[in-house]
Amino acid sequence: MKTAVLIPCYNEEVTIEKVIKDFKRELPEAEIYVYDNNSKDKTAEIARKNGAIVKHEYRQGKGNVVRSMFRDVEADVYVMVDGDDTYPAEEVHKLMKPILEGKADMVIGDRLTNGTYQKENKRHFHEFGNNLVKKAINIAFKTNLRDIMTGYRVFNKFFVKTMPVMSPKFEIETEMSLHALDKKFIIEEIPIVYRDRPEGSESKLNTISDGIKVVKTIVKMFKDFRPRQFFWIISLIFILIGLIVGIPVIVEFAQTSYITKLPSAVLATGIMIFAIIIAQCGVILDTVVKQHREKYELELSRYVQLEKLKDNEK
């Protein structure tokens, strides 16, 4: 089976040589692809000298890189790993095993279970953000994933060639997990050792901007994948506001048979109507999402049939 190692890179000249050599040692038959994302250092040059296939993605952002990787590279097994040397190449064999045995579509390198991420990671706010997104996803999908944002993953061809990559930046890992859960792909998590970046290598993450992205990711996740719950919660909030505004009006009418608080009555009525409209939007969008899932399942069936025809022709 053909194996491809996919390494998205941006300014990783300090670590990329070691990452390539480590994976060449562990997977000597694999093709190693380094996708350079407008690096301002010698990342691409060093990668090329060490035998990697170097491609360039000029649209900035890890999501854009992954989109090009998934479209361009043909393989049976795909190993995706960051170029910062935080994920040991020695762990790749146990991550590949469920894919090779046909037991999973995506295998996640779980950094959190064995405690190495908590020990090595110096950016504790990022850990907090990871946990926040993880809990939100587990609640929404009634699952128990342990590591949502890890950059060390192995996929089969079926997953790679049928995933529409929409995220342009670092939200891509979360998008992969959401896509797999929503479309019923088989996920397996395997604990791995994590190590912090070596001296001289700098993280591309920003605490404030990435914190905002975490909140956006959670909101977008519920809106796109659980629209009924999302809009019903908003509707409930407006119903409560409407009651707060309208209860004094109702009490006054019950006591006097008159309404003197006309502005409050009009406002409460408007808020209640708005809440009903939002709730109806949730029901409609929930139906649209369900139809999308059904259509996607049919497309998956067509993809499988086409792959079988190709295999028969060979």
Protein backbone atom coordinates (compact mmCIF):
# COMPACT_ATOMS: atom_id res chain seq x y z
CA MET A 1 0.00 0.00 0.00
CA LYS A 2 1.22 3.47 -0.84
CA THR A 3 1.84 5.70 2.16
CA ALA A 4 2.18 9.49 2.05
CA VAL A 5 3.50 11.63 4.89
CA LEU A 6 1.99 15.12 4.71
CA ILE A 7 3.85 17.91 6.51
CA PRO A 8 2.35 21.43 6.42
CA CYS A 9 5.07 23.98 7.13
CA TYR A 10 5.50 27.67 7.82
CA ASN A 11 8.94 28.84 8.94
CA GLU A 12 10.14 25.50 10.30
CA GLU A 13 13.81 25.56 9.19
CA VAL A 14 14.94 24.67 12.73
CA THR A 15 13.01 21.38 12.86
CA ILE A 16 12.04 20.24 9.36
CA GLU A 17 15.25 18.32 8.64
CA LYS A 18 14.85 16.17 11.77
CA VAL A 19 11.15 15.54 11.06
CA ILE A 20 11.90 14.34 7.53
CA LYS A 21 14.81 12.12 8.62
CA ASP A 22 12.77 10.60 11.46
CA PHE A 23 9.90 9.65 9.17
CA LYS A 24 12.26 8.34 6.49
CA ARG A 25 13.73 6.08 9.14
CA GLU A 26 10.33 4.84 10.34
CA LEU A 27 8.64 4.68 6.92
CA PRO A 28 11.41 4.18 4.34
CA GLU A 29 8.93 3.33 1.54
CA ALA A 30 6.69 6.35 2.12
CA GLU A 31 6.67 9.50 0.04
CA ILE A 32 7.20 12.58 2.19
CA TYR A 33 5.47 15.77 1.09
CA VAL A 34 6.37 19.14 2.57
CA TYR A 35 3.86 21.86 1.73
CA ASP A 36 5.51 25.23 2.26
CA ASN A 37 3.03 27.95 3.18
CA ASN A 38 4.95 31.12 2.20
CA SER A 39 7.83 30.53 4.63
CA LYS A 40 10.26 33.40 4.97
CA ASP A 41 13.16 31.15 5.95
CA LYS A 42 14.88 28.14 4.35
CA THR A 43 12.19 25.57 5.15
CA ALA A 44 11.57 24.57 1.50
CA GLU A 45 15.27 24.47 0.64
CA ILE A 46 16.15 22.26 3.61
CA ALA A 47 13.20 19.96 2.94
CA ARG A 48 14.22 19.53 -0.70
CA LYS A 49 17.83 18.76 0.23
CA ASN A 50 16.61 16.03 2.58
CA GLY A 51 14.64 14.25 -0.11
CA ALA A 52 11.12 15.50 0.52
CA ILE A 53 8.71 16.36 -2.28
CA VAL A 54 8.23 20.10 -1.81
CA LYS A 55 5.01 21.80 -2.86
CA HIS A 56 3.96 25.41 -2.35
CA GLU A 57 0.61 26.67 -1.10
CA TYR A 58 0.37 30.45 -1.55
CA ARG A 59 -2.95 30.89 0.24
CA GLN A 60 -1.98 31.49 3.83
CA GLY A 61 -3.37 29.18 6.50
CA LYS A 62 -3.08 25.54 7.51
CA GLY A 63 -6.58 24.73 6.27
CA ASN A 64 -5.65 25.93 2.79
CA VAL A 65 -2.54 23.74 2.92
CA VAL A 66 -4.51 20.66 3.96
CA ARG A 67 -7.06 21.28 1.19
CA SER A 68 -4.28 21.23 -1.42
CA MET A 69 -2.67 18.17 0.17
CA PHE A 70 -5.89 16.18 0.10
CA ARG A 71 -6.60 17.15 -3.50
CA ASP A 72 -3.11 16.63 -4.92
CA VAL A 73 -1.64 13.59 -3.19
CA GLU A 74 -2.65 10.07 -4.18
CA ALA A 75 -2.04 7.32 -1.61
CA ASP A 76 -3.74 4.55 0.32
CA VAL A 77 -2.64 5.74 3.77
CA TYR A 78 -2.07 9.38 4.70
CA VAL A 79 -0.01 10.44 7.70
CA MET A 80 -0.41 14.11 8.62
CA VAL A 81 2.05 15.61 11.09
CA ASP A 82 3.24 19.11 11.97
CA GLY A 83 6.73 20.15 10.97
CA ASP A 84 7.68 21.45 14.42
CA ASP A 85 9.03 18.13 15.78
CA THR A 86 6.50 17.95 18.62
CA TYR A 87 5.19 14.55 17.49
CA PRO A 88 7.62 11.58 17.55
CA ALA A 89 7.86 9.64 14.29
CA GLU A 90 8.22 6.41 16.27
CA GLU A 91 4.54 6.63 17.20
CA VAL A 92 3.42 6.39 13.56
CA HIS A 93 3.23 2.59 13.42
CA LYS A 94 0.59 2.26 16.12
CA LEU A 95 -1.39 5.09 14.52
CA MET A 96 -1.28 3.38 11.13
CA LYS A 97 -2.29 -0.04 12.43
CA PRO A 98 -6.11 0.56 12.67
CA ILE A 99 -6.07 2.06 9.16
CA LEU A 100 -4.15 -0.87 7.68
CA GLU A 101 -6.49 -3.32 9.41
CA GLY A 102 -9.55 -1.48 8.10
CA LYS A 103 -10.81 -0.71 11.60
CA ALA A 104 -10.83 3.11 11.30
CA ASP A 105 -11.11 5.91 8.76
CA MET A 106 -9.22 8.43 10.90
CA VAL A 107 -6.81 7.74 13.75
CA ILE A 108 -6.08 10.58 16.16
CA GLY A 109 -2.79 10.89 18.02
CA ASP A 110 -4.11 11.64 21.52
CA ARG A 111 -1.66 13.95 23.36
CA LEU A 112 -3.76 14.47 26.46
CA THR A 113 -4.48 11.06 27.99
CA ASN A 114 -0.96 10.19 29.13
CA GLY A 115 -0.24 13.68 30.50
CA THR A 116 2.72 14.56 28.28
CA TYR A 117 0.95 17.55 26.72
CA GLN A 118 0.14 19.03 30.14
CA LYS A 119 3.76 18.52 31.16
CA GLU A 120 5.46 19.82 28.00
CA ASN A 121 3.07 22.53 26.85
CA LYS A 122 4.01 26.02 28.02
CA ARG A 123 0.89 27.69 26.63
CA HIS A 124 -1.75 26.84 29.21
CA PHE A 125 -4.44 29.06 27.70
CA HIS A 126 -4.26 26.95 24.55
CA GLU A 127 -4.86 23.86 26.65
CA PHE A 128 -7.90 25.57 28.16
CA GLY A 129 -9.19 26.35 24.66
CA ASN A 130 -8.63 22.76 23.56
CA ASN A 131 -10.63 21.46 26.51
CA LEU A 132 -13.44 23.95 25.91
CA VAL A 133 -13.88 22.89 22.27
CA LYS A 134 -13.56 19.23 23.22
CA LYS A 135 -16.31 19.45 25.84
CA ALA A 136 -18.61 21.34 23.49
CA ILE A 137 -18.17 18.73 20.74
CA ASN A 138 -18.63 15.82 23.13
CA ILE A 139 -21.85 17.36 24.42
CA ALA A 140 -23.17 18.10 20.92
CA PHE A 141 -22.40 14.66 19.50
CA LYS A 142 -22.76 12.62 22.70
CA THR A 143 -19.29 11.19 22.27
CA ASN A 144 -16.13 11.01 24.35
CA LEU A 145 -13.22 12.18 22.21
CA ARG A 146 -10.13 13.02 24.24
CA ASP A 147 -8.09 15.21 21.87
CA ILE A 148 -9.79 17.33 19.21
CA MET A 149 -6.97 19.61 18.03
CA THR A 150 -3.99 17.28 17.68
CA GLY A 151 -1.96 17.71 14.50
CA TYR A 152 -0.86 14.06 14.34
CA ARG A 153 -3.41 12.00 12.40
CA VAL A 154 -3.59 9.08 9.99
CA PHE A 155 -6.35 8.71 7.37
CA ASN A 156 -7.42 6.23 4.76
CA LYS A 157 -8.04 7.30 1.17
CA PHE A 158 -11.81 7.09 1.62
CA PHE A 159 -11.77 9.84 4.26
CA VAL A 160 -9.25 12.10 2.51
CA LYS A 161 -10.93 12.08 -0.88
CA THR A 162 -14.45 12.62 0.44
CA MET A 163 -13.82 15.40 2.96
CA PRO A 164 -14.70 18.95 1.84
CA VAL A 165 -12.08 21.12 3.56
CA MET A 166 -13.68 24.50 4.32
CA SER A 167 -11.57 25.98 7.12
CA PRO A 168 -8.73 28.23 5.91
CA LYS A 169 -6.60 28.24 9.06
CA PHE A 170 -5.88 26.38 12.30
CA GLU A 171 -9.50 25.33 12.75
CA ILE A 172 -8.83 22.50 10.31
CA GLU A 173 -8.19 19.87 13.02
CA THR A 174 -11.52 20.65 14.68
CA GLU A 175 -13.24 20.54 11.27
CA MET A 176 -11.82 17.06 10.61
CA SER A 177 -13.16 15.75 13.90
CA LEU A 178 -16.57 17.35 13.35
CA HIS A 179 -16.81 16.01 9.82
CA ALA A 180 -15.91 12.49 10.94
CA LEU A 181 -18.47 12.56 13.77
CA ASP A 182 -21.27 14.08 11.72
CA LYS A 183 -20.79 11.77 8.72
CA LYS A 184 -20.34 8.61 10.83
CA PHE A 185 -16.72 7.88 9.90
CA ILE A 186 -14.91 5.53 12.25
CA ILE A 187 -12.55 7.37 14.60
CA GLU A 188 -9.97 5.77 16.83
CA GLU A 189 -7.81 7.62 19.36
CA ILE A 190 -4.40 6.30 20.38
CA PRO A 191 -2.34 7.95 23.15
CA ILE A 192 1.00 9.33 21.96
CA VAL A 193 3.96 11.09 23.51
CA TYR A 194 4.03 14.86 22.99
CA ARG A 195 7.06 17.09 23.33
CA ASP A 196 7.30 20.86 23.28
CA ARG A 197 9.01 22.73 20.47
CA PRO A 198 12.82 22.67 20.59
CA GLU A 199 14.71 25.84 21.43
CA GLY A 200 14.73 28.30 18.55
CA SER A 201 11.42 27.10 17.12
CA GLU A 202 8.49 29.48 17.60
CA SER A 203 4.79 28.69 17.72
CA LYS A 204 2.56 30.35 15.11
CA LEU A 205 -0.39 30.47 17.54
CA ASN A 206 -1.54 33.69 19.16
CA THR A 207 -3.29 33.52 22.52
CA ILE A 208 -5.82 36.33 21.95
CA SER A 209 -6.69 35.71 18.30
CA ASP A 210 -6.80 31.94 18.78
CA GLY A 211 -8.97 32.37 21.86
CA ILE A 212 -11.47 34.28 19.73
CA LYS A 213 -11.26 31.51 17.12
CA VAL A 214 -12.10 28.94 19.79
CA VAL A 215 -15.31 30.79 20.66
CA LYS A 216 -16.17 31.19 16.97
CA THR A 217 -15.53 27.51 16.38
CA ILE A 218 -17.93 26.47 19.13
CA VAL A 219 -20.68 28.82 17.91
CA LYS A 220 -20.20 27.79 14.28
CA MET A 221 -20.19 24.11 15.23
CA PHE A 222 -23.60 24.29 16.89
CA LYS A 223 -25.02 26.49 14.12
CA ASP A 224 -23.85 24.21 11.29
CA PHE A 225 -24.22 20.75 12.84
CA ARG A 226 -26.95 21.23 15.48
CA PRO A 227 -29.07 24.12 14.11
CA ARG A 228 -32.27 23.15 15.90
CA GLN A 229 -30.63 23.21 19.34
CA PHE A 230 -28.66 26.35 18.45
CA PHE A 231 -31.65 28.41 17.33
CA TRP A 232 -33.96 27.04 20.02
CA ILE A 233 -31.53 28.20 22.70
CA ILE A 234 -31.54 31.68 21.14
CA SER A 235 -35.32 31.53 20.90
CA LEU A 236 -35.57 30.58 24.58
CA ILE A 237 -33.41 33.55 25.54
CA PHE A 238 -35.71 35.92 23.68
CA ILE A 239 -38.78 34.26 25.20
CA LEU A 240 -37.38 34.93 28.68
CA ILE A 241 -36.67 38.56 27.73
CA GLY A 242 -40.19 38.86 26.34
CA LEU A 243 -41.64 37.49 29.57
CA ILE A 244 -39.60 39.90 31.67
CA VAL A 245 -40.90 42.79 29.61
CA GLY A 246 -44.45 41.46 29.28
CA ILE A 247 -45.30 40.08 32.71
CA PRO A 248 -45.88 43.56 34.27
CA VAL A 249 -48.27 44.28 31.37
CA ILE A 250 -50.16 41.01 31.93
CA VAL A 251 -50.36 41.64 35.70
CA GLU A 252 -51.67 45.14 35.11
CA PHE A 253 -54.33 43.89 32.69
CA ALA A 254 -55.40 41.13 35.10
CA GLN A 255 -55.84 43.65 37.91
CA THR A 256 -57.41 46.59 36.06
CA SER A 257 -58.58 45.24 32.68
CA TYR A 258 -56.56 48.10 31.15
CA ILE A 259 -53.12 48.38 29.58
CA THR A 260 -51.31 51.63 30.25
CA LYS A 261 -47.81 50.25 29.52
CA LEU A 262 -48.45 50.22 25.77
CA PRO A 263 -44.77 50.49 24.69
CA SER A 264 -43.89 47.50 26.91
CA ALA A 265 -46.82 45.52 25.50
CA VAL A 266 -45.75 46.23 21.90
CA LEU A 267 -42.10 45.41 22.71
CA ALA A 268 -42.99 42.14 24.46
CA THR A 269 -45.20 41.08 21.55
CA GLY A 270 -42.45 41.87 19.05
CA ILE A 271 -39.87 39.92 21.04
CA MET A 272 -42.17 36.90 21.29
CA ILE A 273 -42.88 36.93 17.55
CA PHE A 274 -39.14 37.17 16.89
CA ALA A 275 -38.49 34.22 19.21
CA ILE A 276 -41.08 32.10 17.36
CA ILE A 277 -39.49 32.97 14.00
CA ILE A 278 -36.03 31.97 15.30
CA ALA A 279 -37.40 28.65 16.58
CA GLN A 280 -38.98 27.98 13.17
CA CYS A 281 -35.63 28.75 11.50
CA GLY A 282 -34.05 26.08 13.69
CA VAL A 283 -36.60 23.48 12.58
CA ILE A 284 -36.18 24.37 8.89
CA LEU A 285 -32.37 24.35 9.02
CA ASP A 286 -32.38 21.07 10.92
CA THR A 287 -34.32 19.55 8.01
CA VAL A 288 -31.83 21.03 5.52
CA VAL A 289 -28.89 19.54 7.46
CA LYS A 290 -30.60 16.14 7.52
CA GLN A 291 -31.12 16.28 3.76
CA HIS A 292 -27.48 17.26 3.29
CA ARG A 293 -26.38 14.20 5.27
CA GLU A 294 -28.58 11.96 3.14
CA LYS A 295 -27.13 13.46 -0.05
CA TYR A 296 -23.61 13.04 1.27
CA GLU A 297 -24.27 9.35 2.00
CA LEU A 298 -25.40 8.86 -1.60
CA GLU A 299 -22.24 10.61 -2.84
CA LEU A 300 -20.13 8.30 -0.67
CA SER A 301 -21.86 5.29 -2.22
CA ARG A 302 -21.11 6.62 -5.71
CA TYR A 303 -17.47 7.18 -4.75
CA VAL A 304 -17.15 3.59 -3.50
CA GLN A 305 -18.66 2.23 -6.71
CA LEU A 306 -16.27 4.31 -8.84
CA GLU A 307 -13.29 3.08 -6.85
CA LYS A 308 -14.41 -0.52 -7.33
CA LEU A 309 -14.71 0.04 -11.08
CA LYS A 310 -11.18 1.49 -11.17
CA ASP A 311 -9.85 -1.51 -9.25
CA ASN A 312 -11.57 -3.92 -11.65
CA GLU A 313 -10.10 -2.10 -14.66
CA LYS A 314 -6.63 -2.48 -13.15
